[in-house]
Amino acid sequence: MKNSTNPQSFDQIVRNVFAPIYPVIAEQIVDKTAITSGRCLDVGCGTGALGIALANITDLHISFFDQSEEMLNLASGYAAAHNLQDRSAFIRGDIHAIPLIDEDVHLVISRGSSPFWEDWHKAYSEIIRVLKPGGMAYVGGGFGNAKLRDSIVQTMSEKNPDWRNSFKDRIKPERDALPGILASLRPAHFNIIDDESGFWAVITK
């Protein structure tokens, strides 16, 4: 679900630079969805930081889902470190063909993965398919708030001035296409958030 990257390098950035954003985003997910129990699918989970942050403040069972076995192995280790073994599952697969039955999960979350999906219509169709009636999805990208965003952008730019280039050509097309895609999929409701928390689609089946 992520762009091709070295899992160990990605993990170091998540743990050392991006770490403060995940508890903030997890709180925002709970605030927007009010879903705190049942099954959650963390799509493009990477090393599991967002799913773990959400599990830490809810009773949700988290299914960590990624196309990279190495990322899932790292996520499994971090889930164990947080004593989440009994509330975790690890699934390898493709967002365009999620290996779950229809109406299987209460909540789908994803941060930073969607710009790299090859077919947004199919991917969001799959997300809606696996949601239970009344279930919700919180999908997009962001840093939680402006202060965290500015701090991380400064730090990452000092490390690599070109670090955001891989996103630039992908983010705008998705933003432009997403309202029409979601309207065509006809969920019960959807809302696009575009503010200092980031750009997120909040979808109710």
C-alpha atoms as a PDB file:
ATOM      1  CA  MET A   1       0.000   0.000   0.000  1.00  0.00           C
ATOM      2  CA  LYS A   2       2.999   2.265   0.323  1.00  0.00           C
ATOM      3  CA  ASN A   3       5.311   3.365  -2.409  1.00  0.00           C
ATOM      4  CA  SER A   4       8.329   1.107  -2.767  1.00  0.00           C
ATOM      5  CA  THR A   5      10.658   1.912   0.102  1.00  0.00           C
ATOM      6  CA  ASN A   6      13.038   0.168   2.431  1.00  0.00           C
ATOM      7  CA  PRO A   7      10.965  -1.061   5.396  1.00  0.00           C
ATOM      8  CA  GLN A   8      13.755  -0.452   7.910  1.00  0.00           C
ATOM      9  CA  SER A   9      14.351   3.113   6.701  1.00  0.00           C
ATOM     10  CA  PHE A  10      10.611   3.771   6.626  1.00  0.00           C
ATOM     11  CA  ASP A  11      10.312   2.434  10.167  1.00  0.00           C
ATOM     12  CA  GLN A  12      13.085   4.676  11.445  1.00  0.00           C
ATOM     13  CA  ILE A  13      11.347   7.752  10.035  1.00  0.00           C
ATOM     14  CA  VAL A  14       7.998   6.684  11.526  1.00  0.00           C
ATOM     15  CA  ARG A  15       9.506   6.073  14.958  1.00  0.00           C
ATOM     16  CA  ASN A  16      11.876   9.022  15.103  1.00  0.00           C
ATOM     17  CA  VAL A  17      10.107  11.802  13.193  1.00  0.00           C
ATOM     18  CA  PHE A  18       6.425  11.013  12.622  1.00  0.00           C
ATOM     19  CA  ALA A  19       5.698   9.313  15.966  1.00  0.00           C
ATOM     20  CA  PRO A  20       3.831  12.264  17.581  1.00  0.00           C
ATOM     21  CA  ILE A  21       1.160  12.421  14.875  1.00  0.00           C
ATOM     22  CA  TYR A  22      -0.371   8.978  15.331  1.00  0.00           C
ATOM     23  CA  PRO A  23      -1.982   9.445  18.764  1.00  0.00           C
ATOM     24  CA  VAL A  24      -3.407  12.764  17.551  1.00  0.00           C
ATOM     25  CA  ILE A  25      -4.885  11.217  14.404  1.00  0.00           C
ATOM     26  CA  ALA A  26      -6.213   8.263  16.400  1.00  0.00           C
ATOM     27  CA  GLU A  27      -8.090  10.676  18.668  1.00  0.00           C
ATOM     28  CA  GLN A  28      -9.487  12.448  15.615  1.00  0.00           C
ATOM     29  CA  ILE A  29     -10.684   9.140  14.182  1.00  0.00           C
ATOM     30  CA  VAL A  30     -12.525   8.310  17.394  1.00  0.00           C
ATOM     31  CA  ASP A  31     -13.985  11.820  17.508  1.00  0.00           C
ATOM     32  CA  LYS A  32     -15.274  11.634  13.927  1.00  0.00           C
ATOM     33  CA  THR A  33     -16.502   8.038  13.909  1.00  0.00           C
ATOM     34  CA  ALA A  34     -17.336   7.251  17.565  1.00  0.00           C
ATOM     35  CA  ILE A  35     -16.349   3.640  16.807  1.00  0.00           C
ATOM     36  CA  THR A  36     -14.416   2.160  19.704  1.00  0.00           C
ATOM     37  CA  SER A  37     -15.181  -1.568  19.507  1.00  0.00           C
ATOM     38  CA  GLY A  38     -15.439  -4.237  16.840  1.00  0.00           C
ATOM     39  CA  ARG A  39     -12.987  -4.887  14.030  1.00  0.00           C
ATOM     40  CA  CYS A  40     -10.816  -2.258  12.363  1.00  0.00           C
ATOM     41  CA  LEU A  41      -8.867  -2.710   9.137  1.00  0.00           C
ATOM     42  CA  ASP A  42      -5.711  -0.574   8.900  1.00  0.00           C
ATOM     43  CA  VAL A  43      -5.103  -0.383   5.137  1.00  0.00           C
ATOM     44  CA  GLY A  44      -1.541   0.181   3.969  1.00  0.00           C
ATOM     45  CA  CYS A  45      -0.563  -0.075   7.608  1.00  0.00           C
ATOM     46  CA  GLY A  46       3.185   0.058   7.083  1.00  0.00           C
ATOM     47  CA  THR A  47       4.763  -0.720  10.439  1.00  0.00           C
ATOM     48  CA  GLY A  48       1.440  -0.329  12.238  1.00  0.00           C
ATOM     49  CA  ALA A  49       1.815   3.006  14.001  1.00  0.00           C
ATOM     50  CA  LEU A  50      -1.711   4.320  13.410  1.00  0.00           C
ATOM     51  CA  GLY A  51      -3.476   1.036  14.142  1.00  0.00           C
ATOM     52  CA  ILE A  52      -1.515   0.622  17.363  1.00  0.00           C
ATOM     53  CA  ALA A  53      -2.295   4.197  18.445  1.00  0.00           C
ATOM     54  CA  LEU A  54      -5.988   3.529  17.828  1.00  0.00           C
ATOM     55  CA  ALA A  55      -5.900   0.199  19.662  1.00  0.00           C
ATOM     56  CA  ASN A  56      -4.328   1.937  22.648  1.00  0.00           C
ATOM     57  CA  ILE A  57      -7.367   4.187  23.150  1.00  0.00           C
ATOM     58  CA  THR A  58     -10.171   1.806  22.116  1.00  0.00           C
ATOM     59  CA  ASP A  59     -11.262  -1.812  22.409  1.00  0.00           C
ATOM     60  CA  LEU A  60     -10.958  -2.339  18.651  1.00  0.00           C
ATOM     61  CA  HIS A  61      -9.418  -5.464  17.179  1.00  0.00           C
ATOM     62  CA  ILE A  62      -6.986  -4.248  14.519  1.00  0.00           C
ATOM     63  CA  SER A  63      -6.338  -6.132  11.298  1.00  0.00           C
ATOM     64  CA  PHE A  64      -3.077  -4.728   9.926  1.00  0.00           C
ATOM     65  CA  PHE A  65      -3.183  -4.929   6.123  1.00  0.00           C
ATOM     66  CA  ASP A  66      -0.276  -4.272   3.769  1.00  0.00           C
ATOM     67  CA  GLN A  67       1.228  -5.661   0.585  1.00  0.00           C
ATOM     68  CA  SER A  68       4.685  -5.893   2.192  1.00  0.00           C
ATOM     69  CA  GLU A  69       5.487  -8.918   4.343  1.00  0.00           C
ATOM     70  CA  GLU A  70       8.438  -7.050   5.844  1.00  0.00           C
ATOM     71  CA  MET A  71       6.202  -4.177   6.939  1.00  0.00           C
ATOM     72  CA  LEU A  72       3.749  -6.636   8.482  1.00  0.00           C
ATOM     73  CA  ASN A  73       6.549  -8.383  10.366  1.00  0.00           C
ATOM     74  CA  LEU A  74       7.593  -5.063  11.863  1.00  0.00           C
ATOM     75  CA  ALA A  75       3.975  -4.215  12.696  1.00  0.00           C
ATOM     76  CA  SER A  76       3.597  -7.580  14.429  1.00  0.00           C
ATOM     77  CA  GLY A  77       6.619  -6.892  16.610  1.00  0.00           C
ATOM     78  CA  TYR A  78       5.340  -3.476  17.636  1.00  0.00           C
ATOM     79  CA  ALA A  79       1.855  -4.823  18.359  1.00  0.00           C
ATOM     80  CA  ALA A  80       3.408  -7.446  20.618  1.00  0.00           C
ATOM     81  CA  ALA A  81       5.436  -4.767  22.384  1.00  0.00           C
ATOM     82  CA  HIS A  82       2.145  -3.003  23.169  1.00  0.00           C
ATOM     83  CA  ASN A  83       0.580  -6.262  24.417  1.00  0.00           C
ATOM     84  CA  LEU A  84      -1.908  -6.238  21.557  1.00  0.00           C
ATOM     85  CA  GLN A  85      -1.431  -9.820  20.356  1.00  0.00           C
ATOM     86  CA  ASP A  86      -4.979 -10.794  21.324  1.00  0.00           C
ATOM     87  CA  ARG A  87      -6.433  -7.844  19.396  1.00  0.00           C
ATOM     88  CA  SER A  88      -4.298  -8.025  16.264  1.00  0.00           C
ATOM     89  CA  ALA A  89      -4.270  -9.827  12.947  1.00  0.00           C
ATOM     90  CA  PHE A  90      -1.862  -9.392  10.047  1.00  0.00           C
ATOM     91  CA  ILE A  91      -3.053  -9.705   6.461  1.00  0.00           C
ATOM     92  CA  ARG A  92      -0.964  -9.428   3.324  1.00  0.00           C
ATOM     93  CA  GLY A  93      -2.764  -8.362   0.185  1.00  0.00           C
ATOM     94  CA  ASP A  94      -3.795  -5.758  -2.355  1.00  0.00           C
ATOM     95  CA  ILE A  95      -6.201  -2.895  -1.662  1.00  0.00           C
ATOM     96  CA  HIS A  96      -7.823  -3.577  -5.030  1.00  0.00           C
ATOM     97  CA  ALA A  97      -8.889  -7.062  -3.892  1.00  0.00           C
ATOM     98  CA  ILE A  98      -9.134  -7.042  -0.100  1.00  0.00           C
ATOM     99  CA  PRO A  99      -9.124 -10.691   1.077  1.00  0.00           C
ATOM    100  CA  LEU A 100     -12.106 -10.279   3.395  1.00  0.00           C
ATOM    101  CA  ILE A 101     -15.746 -11.208   3.023  1.00  0.00           C
ATOM    102  CA  ASP A 102     -18.436  -8.597   2.460  1.00  0.00           C
ATOM    103  CA  GLU A 103     -19.533  -6.556   5.482  1.00  0.00           C
ATOM    104  CA  ASP A 104     -16.716  -7.844   7.695  1.00  0.00           C
ATOM    105  CA  VAL A 105     -15.350  -4.802   9.557  1.00  0.00           C
ATOM    106  CA  HIS A 106     -16.729  -1.876  11.522  1.00  0.00           C
ATOM    107  CA  LEU A 107     -13.987   0.630  10.675  1.00  0.00           C
ATOM    108  CA  VAL A 108     -11.383   1.107   7.944  1.00  0.00           C
ATOM    109  CA  ILE A 109      -8.469   3.473   8.508  1.00  0.00           C
ATOM    110  CA  SER A 110      -5.575   4.463   6.300  1.00  0.00           C
ATOM    111  CA  ARG A 111      -2.969   7.216   6.409  1.00  0.00           C
ATOM    112  CA  GLY A 112      -0.604   8.045   3.583  1.00  0.00           C
ATOM    113  CA  SER A 113      -1.370   5.025   1.431  1.00  0.00           C
ATOM    114  CA  SER A 114      -4.131   6.169  -0.917  1.00  0.00           C
ATOM    115  CA  PRO A 115      -2.008   8.372  -3.233  1.00  0.00           C
ATOM    116  CA  PHE A 116      -0.211   5.201  -4.325  1.00  0.00           C
ATOM    117  CA  TRP A 117      -3.290   3.132  -5.139  1.00  0.00           C
ATOM    118  CA  GLU A 118      -3.423   2.388  -8.848  1.00  0.00           C
ATOM    119  CA  ASP A 119      -7.221   2.476  -9.178  1.00  0.00           C
ATOM    120  CA  TRP A 120      -8.975   4.713  -6.655  1.00  0.00           C
ATOM    121  CA  HIS A 121     -12.462   3.705  -7.764  1.00  0.00           C
ATOM    122  CA  LYS A 122     -11.710   0.027  -7.226  1.00  0.00           C
ATOM    123  CA  ALA A 123      -9.869   0.621  -3.956  1.00  0.00           C
ATOM    124  CA  TYR A 124     -12.639   2.688  -2.387  1.00  0.00           C
ATOM    125  CA  SER A 125     -15.200   0.228  -3.733  1.00  0.00           C
ATOM    126  CA  GLU A 126     -13.373  -2.539  -1.875  1.00  0.00           C
ATOM    127  CA  ILE A 127     -13.254  -0.478   1.311  1.00  0.00           C
ATOM    128  CA  ILE A 128     -16.995   0.082   1.174  1.00  0.00           C
ATOM    129  CA  ARG A 129     -17.604  -3.588   0.338  1.00  0.00           C
ATOM    130  CA  VAL A 130     -15.889  -4.893   3.472  1.00  0.00           C
ATOM    131  CA  LEU A 131     -17.588  -2.383   5.791  1.00  0.00           C
ATOM    132  CA  LYS A 132     -20.585  -3.514   7.767  1.00  0.00           C
ATOM    133  CA  PRO A 133     -23.787  -1.494   7.278  1.00  0.00           C
ATOM    134  CA  GLY A 134     -23.300   1.637   9.348  1.00  0.00           C
ATOM    135  CA  GLY A 135     -19.538   1.067   9.410  1.00  0.00           C
ATOM    136  CA  MET A 136     -17.174   3.901   8.619  1.00  0.00           C
ATOM    137  CA  ALA A 137     -13.873   4.612   6.901  1.00  0.00           C
ATOM    138  CA  TYR A 138     -11.344   7.347   7.688  1.00  0.00           C
ATOM    139  CA  VAL A 139      -8.864   7.461   4.812  1.00  0.00           C
ATOM    140  CA  GLY A 140      -6.373  10.080   3.714  1.00  0.00           C
ATOM    141  CA  GLY A 141      -3.251  11.772   4.920  1.00  0.00           C
ATOM    142  CA  GLY A 142      -2.060  14.469   7.242  1.00  0.00           C
ATOM    143  CA  PHE A 143      -0.092  15.313  10.337  1.00  0.00           C
ATOM    144  CA  GLY A 144      -2.848  15.850  12.892  1.00  0.00           C
ATOM    145  CA  ASN A 145      -2.474  19.583  13.294  1.00  0.00           C
ATOM    146  CA  ALA A 146      -0.546  22.554  11.903  1.00  0.00           C
ATOM    147  CA  LYS A 147       2.099  22.575  14.637  1.00  0.00           C
ATOM    148  CA  LEU A 148       3.028  18.937  14.068  1.00  0.00           C
ATOM    149  CA  ARG A 149       2.905  19.409  10.294  1.00  0.00           C
ATOM    150  CA  ASP A 150       5.265  22.377  10.339  1.00  0.00           C
ATOM    151  CA  SER A 151       7.707  20.644  12.692  1.00  0.00           C
ATOM    152  CA  ILE A 152       7.839  17.452  10.628  1.00  0.00           C
ATOM    153  CA  VAL A 153       8.110  19.276   7.300  1.00  0.00           C
ATOM    154  CA  GLN A 154      11.057  21.259   8.667  1.00  0.00           C
ATOM    155  CA  THR A 155      12.802  18.174  10.031  1.00  0.00           C
ATOM    156  CA  MET A 156      12.273  16.083   6.921  1.00  0.00           C
ATOM    157  CA  SER A 157      13.279  18.927   4.593  1.00  0.00           C
ATOM    158  CA  GLU A 158      16.542  19.303   6.472  1.00  0.00           C
ATOM    159  CA  LYS A 159      17.215  15.597   6.000  1.00  0.00           C
ATOM    160  CA  ASN A 160      16.130  15.496   2.347  1.00  0.00           C
ATOM    161  CA  PRO A 161      14.852  18.588   0.526  1.00  0.00           C
ATOM    162  CA  ASP A 162      13.147  16.385  -2.089  1.00  0.00           C
ATOM    163  CA  TRP A 163      11.314  14.108   0.352  1.00  0.00           C
ATOM    164  CA  ARG A 164       7.823  15.243  -0.677  1.00  0.00           C
ATOM    165  CA  ASN A 165       8.342  14.993  -4.415  1.00  0.00           C
ATOM    166  CA  SER A 166       6.993  11.436  -4.651  1.00  0.00           C
ATOM    167  CA  PHE A 167       3.645  12.690  -3.372  1.00  0.00           C
ATOM    168  CA  LYS A 168       3.266  15.896  -5.347  1.00  0.00           C
ATOM    169  CA  ASP A 169       2.177  14.344  -8.612  1.00  0.00           C
ATOM    170  CA  ARG A 170      -0.213  11.955  -6.874  1.00  0.00           C
ATOM    171  CA  ILE A 171      -2.009  13.969  -4.217  1.00  0.00           C
ATOM    172  CA  LYS A 172      -3.754  16.545  -6.407  1.00  0.00           C
ATOM    173  CA  PRO A 173      -5.258  14.023  -8.868  1.00  0.00           C
ATOM    174  CA  GLU A 174      -6.712  12.004  -6.002  1.00  0.00           C
ATOM    175  CA  ARG A 175      -8.115  15.099  -4.325  1.00  0.00           C
ATOM    176  CA  ASP A 176      -9.711  16.222  -7.573  1.00  0.00           C
ATOM    177  CA  ALA A 177     -11.161  12.789  -8.370  1.00  0.00           C
ATOM    178  CA  LEU A 178     -12.282  11.634  -4.937  1.00  0.00           C
ATOM    179  CA  PRO A 179     -15.611  13.494  -4.550  1.00  0.00           C
ATOM    180  CA  GLY A 180     -16.818  12.133  -7.876  1.00  0.00           C
ATOM    181  CA  ILE A 181     -15.571   8.629  -7.122  1.00  0.00           C
ATOM    182  CA  LEU A 182     -17.306   8.506  -3.768  1.00  0.00           C
ATOM    183  CA  ALA A 183     -20.523   9.946  -5.188  1.00  0.00           C
ATOM    184  CA  SER A 184     -20.533   7.194  -7.830  1.00  0.00           C
ATOM    185  CA  LEU A 185     -20.083   4.494  -5.164  1.00  0.00           C
ATOM    186  CA  ARG A 186     -23.109   5.832  -3.294  1.00  0.00           C
ATOM    187  CA  PRO A 187     -22.261   5.165   0.349  1.00  0.00           C
ATOM    188  CA  ALA A 188     -24.850   6.296   2.879  1.00  0.00           C
ATOM    189  CA  HIS A 189     -22.763   9.402   3.523  1.00  0.00           C
ATOM    190  CA  PHE A 190     -19.311  10.820   2.914  1.00  0.00           C
ATOM    191  CA  ASN A 191     -17.498  13.956   3.925  1.00  0.00           C
ATOM    192  CA  ILE A 192     -14.170  15.372   2.757  1.00  0.00           C
ATOM    193  CA  ILE A 193     -12.036  17.004   5.431  1.00  0.00           C
ATOM    194  CA  ASP A 194      -9.425  19.436   4.126  1.00  0.00           C
ATOM    195  CA  ASP A 195      -7.969  21.442   6.990  1.00  0.00           C
ATOM    196  CA  GLU A 196      -4.902  21.583   9.204  1.00  0.00           C
ATOM    197  CA  SER A 197      -5.461  17.944  10.215  1.00  0.00           C
ATOM    198  CA  GLY A 198      -4.888  16.910   6.593  1.00  0.00           C
ATOM    199  CA  PHE A 199      -7.004  15.640   3.722  1.00  0.00           C
ATOM    200  CA  TRP A 200      -9.366  12.830   4.733  1.00  0.00           C
ATOM    201  CA  ALA A 201     -12.394  11.052   3.386  1.00  0.00           C
ATOM    202  CA  VAL A 202     -14.859  10.044   6.098  1.00  0.00           C
ATOM    203  CA  ILE A 203     -17.264   7.491   4.676  1.00  0.00           C
ATOM    204  CA  THR A 204     -20.326   5.847   6.202  1.00  0.00           C
ATOM    205  CA  LYS A 205     -21.752   2.735   4.577  1.00  0.00           C
END
